[in-house]
């Protein structure tokens, strides 16, 4: 993720997220749709909406939307 710093990846940055952070139902539907339609995960595979990596992605989207206003 950061050139020259191979250990600075999603797993590294996701550990700094607030532990009380939860996705809204709308965000869960968007993540589900993205993983099913764009990444073609199988229907029997489940998405862990509490994983730090998913939460980091959504937090980045929230931040982008905040800056857009």
PDB file of N, CA and C in Angstrom:
ATOM      1  N   UNK A   1       0.821  -1.187   0.000  1.00  0.00           N
ATOM      2  CA  UNK A   1       0.000   0.000   0.000  1.00  0.00           C
ATOM      3  C   UNK A   1       0.871   1.259   0.000  1.00  0.00           C
ATOM      4  N   UNK A   2       1.924   1.267   0.792  1.00  0.00           N
ATOM      5  CA  UNK A   2       2.871   2.377   0.826  1.00  0.00           C
ATOM      6  C   UNK A   2       4.182   1.855   0.250  1.00  0.00           C
ATOM      7  N   UNK A   3       4.668   2.443  -0.818  1.00  0.00           N
ATOM      8  CA  UNK A   3       5.905   1.966  -1.437  1.00  0.00           C
ATOM      9  C   UNK A   3       7.067   2.104  -0.474  1.00  0.00           C
ATOM     10  N   UNK A   4       7.863   1.046  -0.412  1.00  0.00           N
ATOM     11  CA  UNK A   4       9.004   1.035   0.489  1.00  0.00           C
ATOM     12  C   UNK A   4       8.645   0.672   1.923  1.00  0.00           C
ATOM     13  N   UNK A   5       7.387   0.514   2.196  1.00  0.00           N
ATOM     14  CA  UNK A   5       6.902   0.159   3.540  1.00  0.00           C
ATOM     15  C   UNK A   5       5.904  -0.982   3.405  1.00  0.00           C
ATOM     16  N   UNK A   6       6.406  -2.154   3.106  1.00  0.00           N
ATOM     17  CA  UNK A   6       5.535  -3.292   2.782  1.00  0.00           C
ATOM     18  C   UNK A   6       4.586  -3.669   3.924  1.00  0.00           C
ATOM     19  N   UNK A   7       4.978  -3.414   5.169  1.00  0.00           N
ATOM     20  CA  UNK A   7       4.112  -3.757   6.295  1.00  0.00           C
ATOM     21  C   UNK A   7       2.978  -2.785   6.523  1.00  0.00           C
ATOM     22  N   UNK A   8       2.976  -1.648   5.831  1.00  0.00           N
ATOM     23  CA  UNK A   8       1.925  -0.644   6.024  1.00  0.00           C
ATOM     24  C   UNK A   8       0.802  -0.903   5.017  1.00  0.00           C
ATOM     25  N   UNK A   9      -0.038  -1.869   5.345  1.00  0.00           N
ATOM     26  CA  UNK A   9      -1.122  -2.271   4.467  1.00  0.00           C
ATOM     27  C   UNK A   9      -2.464  -2.110   5.183  1.00  0.00           C
ATOM     28  N   UNK A  10      -3.534  -2.619   4.579  1.00  0.00           N
ATOM     29  CA  UNK A  10      -4.862  -2.483   5.180  1.00  0.00           C
ATOM     30  C   UNK A  10      -4.900  -3.061   6.591  1.00  0.00           C
ATOM     31  N   UNK A  11      -4.260  -4.202   6.782  1.00  0.00           N
ATOM     32  CA  UNK A  11      -4.274  -4.828   8.108  1.00  0.00           C
ATOM     33  C   UNK A  11      -3.604  -3.921   9.137  1.00  0.00           C
ATOM     34  N   UNK A  12      -2.516  -3.270   8.756  1.00  0.00           N
ATOM     35  CA  UNK A  12      -1.811  -2.356   9.662  1.00  0.00           C
ATOM     36  C   UNK A  12      -2.688  -1.158  10.015  1.00  0.00           C
ATOM     37  N   UNK A  13      -3.232  -0.474   9.005  1.00  0.00           N
ATOM     38  CA  UNK A  13      -4.008   0.742   9.256  1.00  0.00           C
ATOM     39  C   UNK A  13      -5.358   0.450   9.904  1.00  0.00           C
ATOM     40  N   UNK A  14      -5.912  -0.714   9.638  1.00  0.00           N
ATOM     41  CA  UNK A  14      -7.227  -1.019  10.195  1.00  0.00           C
ATOM     42  C   UNK A  14      -7.196  -1.183  11.709  1.00  0.00           C
ATOM     43  N   UNK A  15      -6.037  -1.439  12.289  1.00  0.00           N
ATOM     44  CA  UNK A  15      -5.994  -1.599  13.750  1.00  0.00           C
ATOM     45  C   UNK A  15      -6.161  -0.265  14.487  1.00  0.00           C
ATOM     46  N   UNK A  16      -6.140   0.849  13.776  1.00  0.00           N
ATOM     47  CA  UNK A  16      -6.317   2.166  14.400  1.00  0.00           C
ATOM     48  C   UNK A  16      -7.770   2.645  14.398  1.00  0.00           C
ATOM     49  N   UNK A  17      -8.679   1.818  13.865  1.00  0.00           N
ATOM     50  CA  UNK A  17     -10.090   2.213  13.819  1.00  0.00           C
ATOM     51  C   UNK A  17     -10.717   2.180  15.204  1.00  0.00           C
ATOM     52  N   UNK A  18     -11.727   3.027  15.380  1.00  0.00           N
ATOM     53  CA  UNK A  18     -12.510   3.049  16.606  1.00  0.00           C
ATOM     54  C   UNK A  18     -13.250   1.716  16.753  1.00  0.00           C
ATOM     55  N   UNK A  19     -13.202   1.109  17.914  1.00  0.00           N
ATOM     56  CA  UNK A  19     -13.834  -0.195  18.123  1.00  0.00           C
ATOM     57  C   UNK A  19     -15.362  -0.124  18.106  1.00  0.00           C
ATOM     58  N   UNK A  20     -15.942   1.041  18.299  1.00  0.00           N
ATOM     59  CA  UNK A  20     -17.397   1.193  18.312  1.00  0.00           C
ATOM     60  C   UNK A  20     -17.977   1.421  16.921  1.00  0.00           C
ATOM     61  N   UNK A  21     -17.177   1.352  15.914  1.00  0.00           N
ATOM     62  CA  UNK A  21     -17.552   1.645  14.544  1.00  0.00           C
ATOM     63  C   UNK A  21     -18.389   0.501  13.969  1.00  0.00           C
ATOM     64  N   UNK A  22     -19.601   0.816  13.503  1.00  0.00           N
ATOM     65  CA  UNK A  22     -20.476  -0.181  12.900  1.00  0.00           C
ATOM     66  C   UNK A  22     -20.997   0.334  11.573  1.00  0.00           C
ATOM     67  N   UNK A  23     -21.276  -0.588  10.668  1.00  0.00           N
ATOM     68  CA  UNK A  23     -21.841  -0.227   9.370  1.00  0.00           C
ATOM     69  C   UNK A  23     -23.349  -0.066   9.491  1.00  0.00           C
ATOM     70  N   UNK A  24     -23.882   0.867   8.720  1.00  0.00           N
ATOM     71  CA  UNK A  24     -25.333   0.983   8.632  1.00  0.00           C
ATOM     72  C   UNK A  24     -25.849  -0.134   7.718  1.00  0.00           C
ATOM     73  N   UNK A  25     -27.130  -0.361   7.740  1.00  0.00           N
ATOM     74  CA  UNK A  25     -27.715  -1.381   6.855  1.00  0.00           C
ATOM     75  C   UNK A  25     -27.472  -1.033   5.391  1.00  0.00           C
ATOM     76  N   UNK A  26     -27.578   0.236   5.053  1.00  0.00           N
ATOM     77  CA  UNK A  26     -27.332   0.669   3.674  1.00  0.00           C
ATOM     78  C   UNK A  26     -25.892   0.369   3.265  1.00  0.00           C
ATOM     79  N   UNK A  27     -24.935   0.654   4.146  1.00  0.00           N
ATOM     80  CA  UNK A  27     -23.526   0.383   3.848  1.00  0.00           C
ATOM     81  C   UNK A  27     -23.280  -1.114   3.683  1.00  0.00           C
ATOM     82  N   UNK A  28     -23.936  -1.921   4.499  1.00  0.00           N
ATOM     83  CA  UNK A  28     -23.798  -3.375   4.359  1.00  0.00           C
ATOM     84  C   UNK A  28     -24.308  -3.840   3.005  1.00  0.00           C
ATOM     85  N   UNK A  29     -25.421  -3.284   2.562  1.00  0.00           N
ATOM     86  CA  UNK A  29     -25.958  -3.659   1.244  1.00  0.00           C
ATOM     87  C   UNK A  29     -25.011  -3.259   0.125  1.00  0.00           C
ATOM     88  N   UNK A  30     -24.405  -2.076   0.234  1.00  0.00           N
ATOM     89  CA  UNK A  30     -23.453  -1.609  -0.785  1.00  0.00           C
ATOM     90  C   UNK A  30     -22.227  -2.511  -0.817  1.00  0.00           C
ATOM     91  N   UNK A  31     -21.685  -2.834   0.346  1.00  0.00           N
ATOM     92  CA  UNK A  31     -20.516  -3.718   0.412  1.00  0.00           C
ATOM     93  C   UNK A  31     -20.866  -5.091  -0.150  1.00  0.00           C
ATOM     94  N   UNK A  32     -22.009  -5.609   0.245  1.00  0.00           N
ATOM     95  CA  UNK A  32     -22.467  -6.914  -0.250  1.00  0.00           C
ATOM     96  C   UNK A  32     -22.592  -6.898  -1.773  1.00  0.00           C
ATOM     97  N   UNK A  33     -23.227  -5.878  -2.298  1.00  0.00           N
ATOM     98  CA  UNK A  33     -23.409  -5.774  -3.746  1.00  0.00           C
ATOM     99  C   UNK A  33     -22.064  -5.689  -4.464  1.00  0.00           C
ATOM    100  N   UNK A  34     -21.142  -4.908  -3.926  1.00  0.00           N
ATOM    101  CA  UNK A  34     -19.819  -4.769  -4.543  1.00  0.00           C
ATOM    102  C   UNK A  34     -19.087  -6.108  -4.568  1.00  0.00           C
ATOM    103  N   UNK A  35     -19.047  -6.793  -3.427  1.00  0.00           N
ATOM    104  CA  UNK A  35     -18.324  -8.055  -3.372  1.00  0.00           C
ATOM    105  C   UNK A  35     -18.977  -9.129  -4.235  1.00  0.00           C
ATOM    106  N   UNK A  36     -20.302  -9.145  -4.291  1.00  0.00           N
ATOM    107  CA  UNK A  36     -20.996 -10.164  -5.101  1.00  0.00           C
ATOM    108  C   UNK A  36     -20.899  -9.850  -6.601  1.00  0.00           C
ATOM    109  N   UNK A  37     -21.153  -8.606  -6.978  1.00  0.00           N
ATOM    110  CA  UNK A  37     -21.218  -8.256  -8.401  1.00  0.00           C
ATOM    111  C   UNK A  37     -19.871  -7.939  -9.027  1.00  0.00           C
ATOM    112  N   UNK A  38     -19.033  -7.199  -8.326  1.00  0.00           N
ATOM    113  CA  UNK A  38     -17.762  -6.766  -8.912  1.00  0.00           C
ATOM    114  C   UNK A  38     -16.625  -7.759  -8.667  1.00  0.00           C
ATOM    115  N   UNK A  39     -16.609  -8.368  -7.500  1.00  0.00           N
ATOM    116  CA  UNK A  39     -15.528  -9.296  -7.178  1.00  0.00           C
ATOM    117  C   UNK A  39     -15.936 -10.759  -7.345  1.00  0.00           C
ATOM    118  N   UNK A  40     -17.220 -10.959  -7.634  1.00  0.00           N
ATOM    119  CA  UNK A  40     -17.756 -12.296  -7.933  1.00  0.00           C
ATOM    120  C   UNK A  40     -17.500 -13.332  -6.841  1.00  0.00           C
ATOM    121  N   UNK A  41     -17.710 -12.937  -5.582  1.00  0.00           N
ATOM    122  CA  UNK A  41     -17.584 -13.955  -4.544  1.00  0.00           C
ATOM    123  C   UNK A  41     -18.804 -14.864  -4.624  1.00  0.00           C
ATOM    124  N   UNK A  42     -18.650 -16.074  -4.171  1.00  0.00           N
ATOM    125  CA  UNK A  42     -19.705 -17.068  -4.267  1.00  0.00           C
ATOM    126  C   UNK A  42     -20.824 -16.796  -3.272  1.00  0.00           C
ATOM    127  N   UNK A  43     -22.018 -17.230  -3.619  1.00  0.00           N
ATOM    128  CA  UNK A  43     -23.184 -16.985  -2.756  1.00  0.00           C
ATOM    129  C   UNK A  43     -23.038 -17.671  -1.402  1.00  0.00           C
ATOM    130  N   UNK A  44     -22.306 -18.779  -1.338  1.00  0.00           N
ATOM    131  CA  UNK A  44     -22.143 -19.463  -0.050  1.00  0.00           C
ATOM    132  C   UNK A  44     -21.052 -18.818   0.816  1.00  0.00           C
ATOM    133  N   UNK A  45     -20.300 -17.899   0.253  1.00  0.00           N
ATOM    134  CA  UNK A  45     -19.293 -17.196   1.040  1.00  0.00           C
ATOM    135  C   UNK A  45     -19.944 -16.029   1.771  1.00  0.00           C
ATOM    136  N   UNK A  46     -19.576 -15.862   3.034  1.00  0.00           N
ATOM    137  CA  UNK A  46     -20.142 -14.779   3.836  1.00  0.00           C
ATOM    138  C   UNK A  46     -19.139 -13.637   3.969  1.00  0.00           C
ATOM    139  N   UNK A  47     -19.669 -12.445   4.040  1.00  0.00           N
ATOM    140  CA  UNK A  47     -18.842 -11.259   4.255  1.00  0.00           C
ATOM    141  C   UNK A  47     -18.867 -10.946   5.746  1.00  0.00           C
ATOM    142  N   UNK A  48     -17.699 -10.776   6.320  1.00  0.00           N
ATOM    143  CA  UNK A  48     -17.597 -10.432   7.739  1.00  0.00           C
ATOM    144  C   UNK A  48     -17.634  -8.909   7.858  1.00  0.00           C
ATOM    145  N   UNK A  49     -18.804  -8.380   8.159  1.00  0.00           N
ATOM    146  CA  UNK A  49     -18.982  -6.931   8.243  1.00  0.00           C
ATOM    147  C   UNK A  49     -18.310  -6.324   9.470  1.00  0.00           C
ATOM    148  N   UNK A  50     -17.780  -7.157  10.339  1.00  0.00           N
ATOM    149  CA  UNK A  50     -17.056  -6.651  11.504  1.00  0.00           C
ATOM    150  C   UNK A  50     -15.548  -6.690  11.302  1.00  0.00           C
ATOM    151  N   UNK A  51     -15.095  -7.214  10.147  1.00  0.00           N
ATOM    152  CA  UNK A  51     -13.652  -7.278   9.917  1.00  0.00           C
ATOM    153  C   UNK A  51     -13.089  -5.864   9.797  1.00  0.00           C
ATOM    154  N   UNK A  52     -11.901  -5.703  10.329  1.00  0.00           N
ATOM    155  CA  UNK A  52     -11.274  -4.377  10.332  1.00  0.00           C
ATOM    156  C   UNK A  52     -11.007  -3.882   8.903  1.00  0.00           C
ATOM    157  N   UNK A  53     -10.745  -4.792   7.972  1.00  0.00           N
ATOM    158  CA  UNK A  53     -10.466  -4.380   6.601  1.00  0.00           C
ATOM    159  C   UNK A  53     -11.715  -3.802   5.934  1.00  0.00           C
ATOM    160  N   UNK A  54     -12.861  -4.441   6.138  1.00  0.00           N
ATOM    161  CA  UNK A  54     -14.132  -3.923   5.593  1.00  0.00           C
ATOM    162  C   UNK A  54     -14.454  -2.583   6.241  1.00  0.00           C
ATOM    163  N   UNK A  55     -14.279  -2.501   7.554  1.00  0.00           N
ATOM    164  CA  UNK A  55     -14.562  -1.247   8.253  1.00  0.00           C
ATOM    165  C   UNK A  55     -13.663  -0.118   7.758  1.00  0.00           C
ATOM    166  N   UNK A  56     -12.406  -0.424   7.479  1.00  0.00           N
ATOM    167  CA  UNK A  56     -11.496   0.596   6.964  1.00  0.00           C
ATOM    168  C   UNK A  56     -11.952   1.093   5.596  1.00  0.00           C
ATOM    169  N   UNK A  57     -12.380   0.176   4.729  1.00  0.00           N
ATOM    170  CA  UNK A  57     -12.886   0.586   3.410  1.00  0.00           C
ATOM    171  C   UNK A  57     -14.074   1.534   3.547  1.00  0.00           C
ATOM    172  N   UNK A  58     -15.017   1.175   4.388  1.00  0.00           N
ATOM    173  CA  UNK A  58     -16.214   2.000   4.569  1.00  0.00           C
ATOM    174  C   UNK A  58     -15.853   3.336   5.223  1.00  0.00           C
ATOM    175  N   UNK A  59     -14.928   3.310   6.168  1.00  0.00           N
ATOM    176  CA  UNK A  59     -14.507   4.553   6.804  1.00  0.00           C
ATOM    177  C   UNK A  59     -13.869   5.490   5.782  1.00  0.00           C
ATOM    178  N   UNK A  60     -13.092   4.949   4.855  1.00  0.00           N
ATOM    179  CA  UNK A  60     -12.488   5.763   3.800  1.00  0.00           C
ATOM    180  C   UNK A  60     -13.564   6.360   2.887  1.00  0.00           C
ATOM    181  N   UNK A  61     -14.590   5.586   2.592  1.00  0.00           N
ATOM    182  CA  UNK A  61     -15.698   6.088   1.765  1.00  0.00           C
ATOM    183  C   UNK A  61     -16.438   7.199   2.500  1.00  0.00           C
ATOM    184  N   UNK A  62     -16.683   7.003   3.794  1.00  0.00           N
ATOM    185  CA  UNK A  62     -17.337   8.050   4.590  1.00  0.00           C
ATOM    186  C   UNK A  62     -16.509   9.326   4.581  1.00  0.00           C
ATOM    187  N   UNK A  63     -15.195   9.196   4.756  1.00  0.00           N
ATOM    188  CA  UNK A  63     -14.312  10.355   4.761  1.00  0.00           C
ATOM    189  C   UNK A  63     -14.336  11.076   3.407  1.00  0.00           C
ATOM    190  N   UNK A  64     -14.325  10.305   2.325  1.00  0.00           N
ATOM    191  CA  UNK A  64     -14.397  10.887   0.984  1.00  0.00           C
ATOM    192  C   UNK A  64     -15.696  11.658   0.811  1.00  0.00           C
ATOM    193  N   UNK A  65     -16.804  11.066   1.234  1.00  0.00           N
ATOM    194  CA  UNK A  65     -18.102  11.731   1.127  1.00  0.00           C
ATOM    195  C   UNK A  65     -18.137  13.006   1.968  1.00  0.00           C
ATOM    196  N   UNK A  66     -17.517  12.971   3.150  1.00  0.00           N
ATOM    197  CA  UNK A  66     -17.462  14.153   4.010  1.00  0.00           C
ATOM    198  C   UNK A  66     -16.709  15.272   3.310  1.00  0.00           C
ATOM    199  N   UNK A  67     -15.598  14.939   2.665  1.00  0.00           N
ATOM    200  CA  UNK A  67     -14.812  15.961   1.982  1.00  0.00           C
ATOM    201  C   UNK A  67     -15.511  16.511   0.743  1.00  0.00           C
ATOM    202  N   UNK A  68     -16.438  15.737   0.196  1.00  0.00           N
ATOM    203  CA  UNK A  68     -17.134  16.144  -1.021  1.00  0.00           C
ATOM    204  C   UNK A  68     -18.176  17.217  -0.770  1.00  0.00           C
ATOM    205  N   UNK A  69     -18.583  17.408   0.479  1.00  0.00           N
ATOM    206  CA  UNK A  69     -19.625  18.394   0.780  1.00  0.00           C
ATOM    207  C   UNK A  69     -19.057  19.770   0.958  1.00  0.00           C
TER     208      UNK A  69
END
